[in-house]
Amino acid sequence: MENLDSIDLKLLKLLQTNSRLTTKELATEVGLSISPVYERVKRLESDGYIDRYVALLNPEKLNLSFIVYVAVKLNKQSNPSAEEFISVVQSISEVTECYSVAGRFDFLMKVYAPDMNYYRSFVLDVLGGIDTIGNIESTFVMAEVKQTTALPLRQLS
């Protein structure tokens, strides 16, 4: 990791909050002129600190406010089983996050659905069709207390 100075960190914080800020607006916020800010942002992009820019959609507006965390235990502990599961899961649009985890389960997924009926069909028709799954446990979100895409940067200060 290259050294990031306080201006780089401030730019990263600002862009995490609103990636549509113009170079002029960023320059005003960090107290530099437009040209050096433009060069810094380009360097942060090329060095991989900024991975991509996206639009975050509102799940409620899209009828996707039913959120479920699904813990998956594979039926066999092997690389081929894990690779097959990963390959299938990457193509399932309802799964927005999937992590390989240690502990009682092998994977943890975040799934968006319109309602319980849709989720039930999803479990039976989609997850039920993945041969490498041995067991799943669903945890339903009752209320979203905190949700952010911003990574903590305090440890870099």
Protein backbone atom coordinates (compact mmCIF):
# COMPACT_ATOMS: atom_id res chain seq x y z
CA MET A 1 0.00 0.00 0.00
CA GLU A 2 1.38 3.33 -1.03
CA ASN A 3 1.20 6.25 1.35
CA LEU A 4 -2.01 8.19 1.18
CA ASP A 5 -1.90 11.72 2.52
CA SER A 6 -4.73 13.54 4.27
CA ILE A 7 -6.00 15.02 0.99
CA ASP A 8 -6.17 11.58 -0.65
CA LEU A 9 -8.11 10.27 2.35
CA LYS A 10 -10.50 13.22 2.23
CA LEU A 11 -11.07 12.66 -1.49
CA LEU A 12 -11.81 8.97 -0.86
CA LYS A 13 -14.25 9.85 1.94
CA LEU A 14 -16.01 12.42 -0.24
CA LEU A 15 -16.28 10.07 -3.22
CA GLN A 16 -17.61 7.23 -1.04
CA THR A 17 -20.39 9.54 0.08
CA ASN A 18 -21.16 10.96 -3.37
CA SER A 19 -19.26 9.73 -6.43
CA ARG A 20 -21.05 12.28 -8.60
CA LEU A 21 -19.17 15.21 -7.07
CA THR A 22 -17.45 17.18 -9.82
CA THR A 23 -13.72 17.79 -9.77
CA LYS A 24 -14.51 21.43 -9.05
CA GLU A 25 -16.63 20.48 -6.02
CA LEU A 26 -13.95 18.11 -4.77
CA ALA A 27 -11.31 20.81 -5.20
CA THR A 28 -13.37 23.24 -3.13
CA GLU A 29 -13.82 20.64 -0.37
CA VAL A 30 -10.12 19.77 -0.09
CA GLY A 31 -8.77 23.30 -0.69
CA LEU A 32 -6.83 22.63 -3.89
CA SER A 33 -7.24 23.76 -7.46
CA ILE A 34 -9.02 21.59 -10.01
CA SER A 35 -5.97 20.24 -11.86
CA PRO A 36 -4.17 18.64 -8.86
CA VAL A 37 -7.46 17.16 -7.63
CA TYR A 38 -8.15 15.68 -11.07
CA GLU A 39 -4.66 14.12 -11.10
CA ARG A 40 -5.07 12.74 -7.57
CA VAL A 41 -8.42 11.13 -8.40
CA LYS A 42 -6.96 9.60 -11.58
CA ARG A 43 -4.02 8.25 -9.53
CA LEU A 44 -6.39 6.82 -6.89
CA GLU A 45 -8.30 5.09 -9.70
CA SER A 46 -5.21 3.75 -11.49
CA ASP A 47 -3.63 2.58 -8.20
CA GLY A 48 -6.80 0.62 -7.43
CA TYR A 49 -8.00 2.57 -4.38
CA ILE A 50 -11.14 3.45 -6.31
CA ASP A 51 -12.49 0.20 -7.68
CA ARG A 52 -15.53 1.47 -9.61
CA TYR A 53 -18.40 3.94 -9.57
CA VAL A 54 -21.95 2.65 -9.21
CA ALA A 55 -25.51 3.83 -8.64
CA LEU A 56 -27.05 2.42 -5.46
CA LEU A 57 -30.66 1.52 -6.12
CA ASN A 58 -33.49 1.77 -3.60
CA PRO A 59 -34.69 -1.81 -2.85
CA GLU A 60 -38.09 -0.63 -1.59
CA LYS A 61 -38.82 1.24 -4.84
CA LEU A 62 -37.96 -1.97 -6.72
CA ASN A 63 -40.12 -4.19 -4.50
CA LEU A 64 -37.07 -5.89 -3.00
CA SER A 65 -37.35 -4.95 0.66
CA PHE A 66 -37.46 -8.58 1.91
CA ILE A 67 -33.84 -9.24 2.88
CA VAL A 68 -32.58 -12.64 3.99
CA TYR A 69 -29.17 -13.79 5.15
CA VAL A 70 -28.72 -17.39 4.09
CA ALA A 71 -26.09 -19.57 5.76
CA VAL A 72 -25.09 -22.52 3.58
CA LYS A 73 -23.43 -25.76 4.61
CA LEU A 74 -22.07 -27.84 1.74
CA ASN A 75 -22.80 -31.55 1.72
CA LYS A 76 -19.13 -32.33 1.12
CA GLN A 77 -16.03 -30.45 2.21
CA SER A 78 -13.98 -30.39 -0.97
CA ASN A 79 -12.63 -27.90 -3.48
CA PRO A 80 -14.78 -29.26 -6.33
CA SER A 81 -17.95 -28.85 -4.21
CA ALA A 82 -17.01 -25.33 -3.17
CA GLU A 83 -16.04 -24.35 -6.73
CA GLU A 84 -19.31 -25.71 -8.12
CA PHE A 85 -21.34 -23.82 -5.49
CA ILE A 86 -19.41 -20.58 -6.16
CA SER A 87 -19.88 -20.93 -9.91
CA VAL A 88 -23.64 -21.35 -9.58
CA VAL A 89 -24.13 -18.64 -6.96
CA GLN A 90 -22.31 -16.04 -9.06
CA SER A 91 -25.07 -16.30 -11.67
CA ILE A 92 -28.01 -15.87 -9.25
CA SER A 93 -29.18 -12.25 -9.33
CA GLU A 94 -31.07 -12.42 -6.02
CA VAL A 95 -27.77 -13.12 -4.25
CA THR A 96 -26.06 -9.74 -3.89
CA GLU A 97 -23.28 -10.85 -1.55
CA CYS A 98 -21.70 -14.22 -0.85
CA TYR A 99 -18.80 -14.93 1.48
CA SER A 100 -16.85 -18.07 2.24
CA VAL A 101 -16.86 -18.23 6.04
CA ALA A 102 -15.34 -20.30 8.84
CA GLY A 103 -17.51 -21.86 11.51
CA ARG A 104 -20.72 -23.85 11.47
CA PHE A 105 -21.50 -22.91 7.86
CA ASP A 106 -19.37 -22.67 4.73
CA PHE A 107 -20.95 -19.65 3.00
CA LEU A 108 -23.05 -16.66 3.97
CA MET A 109 -25.22 -14.98 1.34
CA LYS A 110 -27.38 -11.87 1.28
CA VAL A 111 -30.55 -12.34 -0.75
CA TYR A 112 -33.13 -9.75 -1.84
CA ALA A 113 -36.70 -10.81 -2.60
CA PRO A 114 -40.10 -9.13 -2.87
CA ASP A 115 -41.76 -11.26 -0.16
CA MET A 116 -41.84 -14.57 1.69
CA ASN A 117 -43.67 -16.41 -1.10
CA TYR A 118 -40.98 -15.42 -3.61
CA TYR A 119 -38.25 -16.40 -1.16
CA ARG A 120 -39.90 -19.79 -0.53
CA SER A 121 -39.92 -20.48 -4.29
CA PHE A 122 -36.33 -19.25 -4.50
CA VAL A 123 -35.25 -21.73 -1.82
CA LEU A 124 -37.11 -24.65 -3.38
CA ASP A 125 -36.48 -23.96 -7.07
CA VAL A 126 -33.10 -22.23 -7.11
CA LEU A 127 -31.15 -23.20 -4.01
CA GLY A 128 -32.79 -26.63 -3.98
CA GLY A 129 -31.32 -27.23 -7.43
CA ILE A 130 -27.73 -26.78 -6.27
CA ASP A 131 -26.50 -30.30 -5.63
CA THR A 132 -23.56 -29.28 -3.43
CA ILE A 133 -25.78 -27.67 -0.76
CA GLY A 134 -26.30 -29.89 2.27
CA ASN A 135 -28.15 -27.47 4.55
CA ILE A 136 -29.31 -23.86 4.64
CA GLU A 137 -30.41 -21.63 7.47
CA SER A 138 -32.34 -18.43 6.71
CA THR A 139 -32.27 -15.32 8.88
CA PHE A 140 -34.87 -12.69 7.96
CA VAL A 141 -34.12 -8.99 8.37
CA MET A 142 -36.82 -7.27 10.42
CA ALA A 143 -35.35 -3.75 10.21
CA GLU A 144 -32.26 -2.29 8.63
CA VAL A 145 -30.41 -0.53 11.44
CA LYS A 146 -27.33 0.51 9.46
CA GLN A 147 -26.39 0.04 5.83
CA THR A 148 -23.46 1.68 4.16
CA THR A 149 -21.12 1.03 1.28
CA ALA A 150 -18.48 3.36 2.74
CA LEU A 151 -15.38 1.63 4.05
CA PRO A 152 -13.82 2.91 7.29
CA LEU A 153 -10.70 4.96 6.58
CA ARG A 154 -9.84 6.09 10.13
CA GLN A 155 -7.10 3.46 10.44
CA LEU A 156 -5.24 5.15 7.55
CA SER A 157 -5.08 8.58 9.22
